[in-house]
Amino acid sequence: MSPRSPSVNEELRRRSRERLLQATVELVGERGYEATTLGDIADRAGAARGLVSYYFPGKRQLLQSAVHRLMHRTLEAGLEREPRTEDGRERLARAVDAILGLAHDEPLLMRTHMAGILQAEGFVQCPEQQRLAELLRDTVVRYGSTDVDRDYPLLRALLMGTVVALLIPGAPMPLGTLRAELFQRYGLDWKLGVPPDDTPPDGTCRGRLID
């Protein structure tokens, strides 16, 4: 049997890494962070335990990469859903709804992710985080930003703060109220994106943050 080519080996490594990321999202979403071990993740992914350590220095870094991958995939699907559009305001609305929708649908996973970010390690610089950042930056550009280096971090911070407010144990804010606040800041009509109701909680959103 002839040895595998470098391209085949690279594809096999990519698939193994993808399986580990997917298994992490599934298990942490089901059991929580503490109840999920690296061995559990390897078993769910059908991979050797040592392969986890080969790709990731620890469980916290693995989780951040896994959630960033999920966020990127969710955001991409929301932006590119039919009917396709190049309208910057509609795309920003879809981006907001994609991130808030993910927090709403996966509260345990996203709460664990946000708690990890607030620890000493902060953001993990990984390919998944970079792809997510690129997609959000592109959304800001299409919205009409004239200073992406200022407006992209601001959008990211606003989304993170909104997700935290949505997930606070015992005192979560309503999704509609948080969405209305973000839409008002960016001057987005409530009917853009995927509105949860016919009208915003506090009336029509208006105003524009980026000129």
Protein backbone atom coordinates (compact mmCIF):
# COMPACT_ATOMS: atom_id res chain seq x y z
CA MET A 1 0.00 0.00 0.00
CA SER A 2 1.43 3.34 -1.02
CA PRO A 3 1.68 6.05 1.67
CA ARG A 4 -1.06 8.68 1.82
CA SER A 5 -0.35 11.96 0.14
CA PRO A 6 0.13 15.12 2.24
CA SER A 7 -3.23 16.45 1.02
CA VAL A 8 -5.03 13.30 2.15
CA ASN A 9 -3.34 13.44 5.55
CA GLU A 10 -4.30 17.09 5.91
CA GLU A 11 -7.93 16.30 5.11
CA LEU A 12 -7.98 13.47 7.66
CA ARG A 13 -6.57 15.80 10.31
CA ARG A 14 -9.17 18.43 9.46
CA ARG A 15 -11.98 15.91 9.79
CA SER A 16 -10.66 14.63 13.11
CA ARG A 17 -10.49 18.16 14.49
CA GLU A 18 -14.02 18.89 13.25
CA ARG A 19 -15.36 15.76 14.97
CA LEU A 20 -13.75 16.80 18.25
CA LEU A 21 -15.25 20.28 18.02
CA GLN A 22 -18.70 18.91 17.25
CA ALA A 23 -18.50 16.37 20.07
CA THR A 24 -17.54 19.13 22.51
CA VAL A 25 -20.55 21.26 21.59
CA GLU A 26 -22.87 18.28 21.95
CA LEU A 27 -21.55 17.03 25.28
CA VAL A 28 -21.16 20.37 27.04
CA GLY A 29 -24.63 21.35 25.81
CA GLU A 30 -26.04 18.12 27.26
CA ARG A 31 -24.05 17.70 30.49
CA GLY A 32 -22.31 20.95 31.27
CA TYR A 33 -18.61 21.76 31.37
CA GLU A 34 -17.56 20.08 34.61
CA ALA A 35 -19.38 16.82 33.80
CA THR A 36 -17.69 16.54 30.40
CA THR A 37 -14.19 15.06 30.27
CA LEU A 38 -11.69 15.06 27.44
CA GLY A 39 -12.08 11.29 27.37
CA ASP A 40 -15.84 11.69 26.87
CA ILE A 41 -15.19 14.05 23.99
CA ALA A 42 -12.70 11.71 22.35
CA ASP A 43 -15.12 8.79 22.69
CA ARG A 44 -18.03 10.76 21.19
CA ALA A 45 -15.79 11.86 18.30
CA GLY A 46 -14.46 8.34 17.75
CA ALA A 47 -10.90 9.58 18.26
CA ALA A 48 -7.94 8.57 20.38
CA ARG A 49 -7.61 10.44 23.69
CA GLY A 50 -4.15 11.65 22.73
CA LEU A 51 -5.53 13.32 19.62
CA VAL A 52 -7.39 15.86 21.76
CA SER A 53 -4.14 16.98 23.38
CA TYR A 54 -2.46 17.09 19.98
CA TYR A 55 -4.90 19.71 18.72
CA PHE A 56 -5.79 21.59 21.91
CA PRO A 57 -3.77 22.49 25.05
CA GLY A 58 -6.76 21.95 27.35
CA LYS A 59 -10.52 21.58 27.72
CA ARG A 60 -11.18 25.30 28.05
CA GLN A 61 -9.40 26.05 24.79
CA LEU A 62 -11.22 23.18 23.09
CA LEU A 63 -14.57 24.51 24.25
CA GLN A 64 -13.88 28.04 23.05
CA SER A 65 -12.85 26.78 19.62
CA ALA A 66 -15.92 24.55 19.48
CA VAL A 67 -18.32 27.36 20.39
CA HIS A 68 -16.64 29.83 18.03
CA ARG A 69 -17.08 27.26 15.27
CA LEU A 70 -20.77 26.89 16.15
CA MET A 71 -21.21 30.67 16.25
CA HIS A 72 -19.50 31.05 12.88
CA ARG A 73 -21.64 28.36 11.28
CA THR A 74 -24.83 29.77 12.80
CA LEU A 75 -23.97 33.31 11.74
CA GLU A 76 -23.04 32.22 8.22
CA ALA A 77 -26.30 30.28 7.84
CA GLY A 78 -28.30 33.25 9.08
CA LEU A 79 -26.60 35.70 6.73
CA GLU A 80 -26.87 33.51 3.66
CA ARG A 81 -30.37 32.10 4.15
CA GLU A 82 -32.93 32.57 1.40
CA PRO A 83 -33.83 35.03 0.12
CA ARG A 84 -30.19 36.03 -0.27
CA THR A 85 -29.48 39.71 0.18
CA GLU A 86 -26.62 42.18 -0.07
CA ASP A 87 -28.49 44.85 1.91
CA GLY A 88 -26.25 45.86 4.79
CA ARG A 89 -29.04 46.67 7.23
CA GLU A 90 -30.80 43.36 6.63
CA ARG A 91 -27.53 41.49 7.05
CA LEU A 92 -26.78 43.23 10.34
CA ALA A 93 -30.28 42.37 11.57
CA ARG A 94 -29.73 38.75 10.58
CA ALA A 95 -26.39 38.73 12.40
CA VAL A 96 -27.94 40.03 15.62
CA ASP A 97 -30.76 37.50 15.39
CA ALA A 98 -28.37 34.63 14.70
CA ILE A 99 -26.25 35.31 17.80
CA LEU A 100 -29.19 36.02 20.11
CA GLY A 101 -31.02 32.99 18.74
CA LEU A 102 -28.05 30.76 19.49
CA ALA A 103 -27.90 32.03 23.07
CA HIS A 104 -31.63 31.43 23.43
CA ASP A 105 -31.45 27.90 22.00
CA GLU A 106 -28.22 26.80 23.73
CA PRO A 107 -28.23 28.57 27.11
CA LEU A 108 -26.03 26.11 29.00
CA LEU A 109 -23.42 25.98 26.26
CA MET A 110 -23.30 29.76 25.75
CA ARG A 111 -23.32 30.52 29.47
CA THR A 112 -20.34 28.21 29.92
CA HIS A 113 -18.57 29.82 26.98
CA MET A 114 -19.06 33.35 28.30
CA ALA A 115 -17.85 32.33 31.76
CA GLY A 116 -14.70 30.91 30.20
CA ILE A 117 -13.98 34.10 28.28
CA LEU A 118 -14.09 36.08 31.52
CA GLN A 119 -11.38 33.93 33.04
CA ALA A 120 -7.68 34.74 32.84
CA GLU A 121 -7.15 33.14 29.42
CA GLY A 122 -9.70 35.39 27.71
CA PHE A 123 -10.26 34.84 24.00
CA VAL A 124 -8.52 31.87 22.43
CA GLN A 125 -6.90 32.88 19.16
CA CYS A 126 -7.84 29.98 16.91
CA PRO A 127 -9.00 29.51 13.29
CA GLU A 128 -12.63 29.30 14.41
CA GLN A 129 -12.48 32.60 16.28
CA GLN A 130 -10.75 34.26 13.33
CA ARG A 131 -13.41 33.09 10.88
CA LEU A 132 -16.14 34.40 13.18
CA ALA A 133 -14.35 37.74 13.48
CA GLU A 134 -13.97 38.03 9.70
CA LEU A 135 -17.67 37.42 9.17
CA LEU A 136 -18.68 40.01 11.76
CA ARG A 137 -16.23 42.55 10.33
CA ASP A 138 -17.68 41.98 6.86
CA THR A 139 -21.17 42.55 8.27
CA VAL A 140 -20.06 45.89 9.73
CA VAL A 141 -18.50 46.88 6.39
CA ARG A 142 -21.69 46.07 4.48
CA TYR A 143 -23.73 47.99 7.02
CA GLY A 144 -21.77 51.08 6.01
CA SER A 145 -19.09 51.59 8.62
CA THR A 146 -16.42 54.14 7.77
CA ASP A 147 -14.22 52.98 10.66
CA VAL A 148 -14.33 49.20 10.89
CA ASP A 149 -11.52 49.03 13.44
CA ARG A 150 -13.74 51.00 15.82
CA ASP A 151 -17.16 49.67 14.89
CA TYR A 152 -16.40 45.96 14.72
CA PRO A 153 -15.12 45.72 18.34
CA LEU A 154 -18.10 47.79 19.44
CA LEU A 155 -20.56 45.44 17.74
CA ARG A 156 -18.78 42.45 19.25
CA ALA A 157 -18.93 44.03 22.72
CA LEU A 158 -22.61 44.88 22.37
CA LEU A 159 -23.44 41.35 21.26
CA MET A 160 -21.46 39.85 24.13
CA GLY A 161 -23.16 42.11 26.65
CA THR A 162 -26.56 41.26 25.24
CA VAL A 163 -25.86 37.54 25.41
CA VAL A 164 -24.78 37.88 29.05
CA ALA A 165 -27.98 39.79 29.87
CA LEU A 166 -30.02 37.08 28.18
CA LEU A 167 -28.31 34.30 30.15
CA ILE A 168 -27.96 35.70 33.69
CA PRO A 169 -29.22 32.92 35.97
CA GLY A 170 -32.28 33.99 37.92
CA ALA A 171 -32.58 37.41 36.27
CA PRO A 172 -32.47 37.06 32.46
CA MET A 173 -33.77 39.94 30.36
CA PRO A 174 -36.38 39.16 27.69
CA LEU A 175 -35.06 38.44 24.21
CA GLY A 176 -37.43 40.95 22.62
CA THR A 177 -36.32 43.79 24.88
CA LEU A 178 -32.63 43.13 24.22
CA ARG A 179 -33.21 42.83 20.47
CA ALA A 180 -35.16 46.10 20.46
CA GLU A 181 -32.30 47.89 22.20
CA LEU A 182 -29.72 46.67 19.68
CA PHE A 183 -31.98 47.44 16.73
CA GLN A 184 -32.59 50.94 18.05
CA ARG A 185 -28.85 51.60 18.41
CA TYR A 186 -28.26 50.58 14.80
CA GLY A 187 -31.40 52.12 13.34
CA LEU A 188 -32.80 48.79 12.16
CA ASP A 189 -36.48 48.27 11.49
CA TRP A 190 -37.99 45.64 13.80
CA LYS A 191 -39.26 43.63 10.80
CA LEU A 192 -35.75 43.03 9.47
CA GLY A 193 -33.99 39.74 10.21
CA VAL A 194 -36.10 37.19 12.05
CA PRO A 195 -38.33 39.15 14.45
CA PRO A 196 -39.76 37.16 17.38
CA ASP A 197 -42.99 39.22 17.37
CA ASP A 198 -44.87 41.62 15.12
CA THR A 199 -43.92 44.73 17.09
CA PRO A 200 -41.02 45.64 19.40
CA PRO A 201 -41.75 45.75 23.14
CA ASP A 202 -41.15 49.50 23.42
CA GLY A 203 -42.44 50.67 20.06
CA THR A 204 -40.70 51.27 16.77
CA CYS A 205 -36.91 51.11 16.81
CA ARG A 206 -35.16 54.18 15.47
CA GLY A 207 -31.78 55.85 15.54
CA ARG A 208 -28.47 54.96 13.94
CA LEU A 209 -25.15 54.31 15.64
CA ILE A 210 -22.87 54.16 12.59
CA ASP A 211 -22.92 57.12 10.22
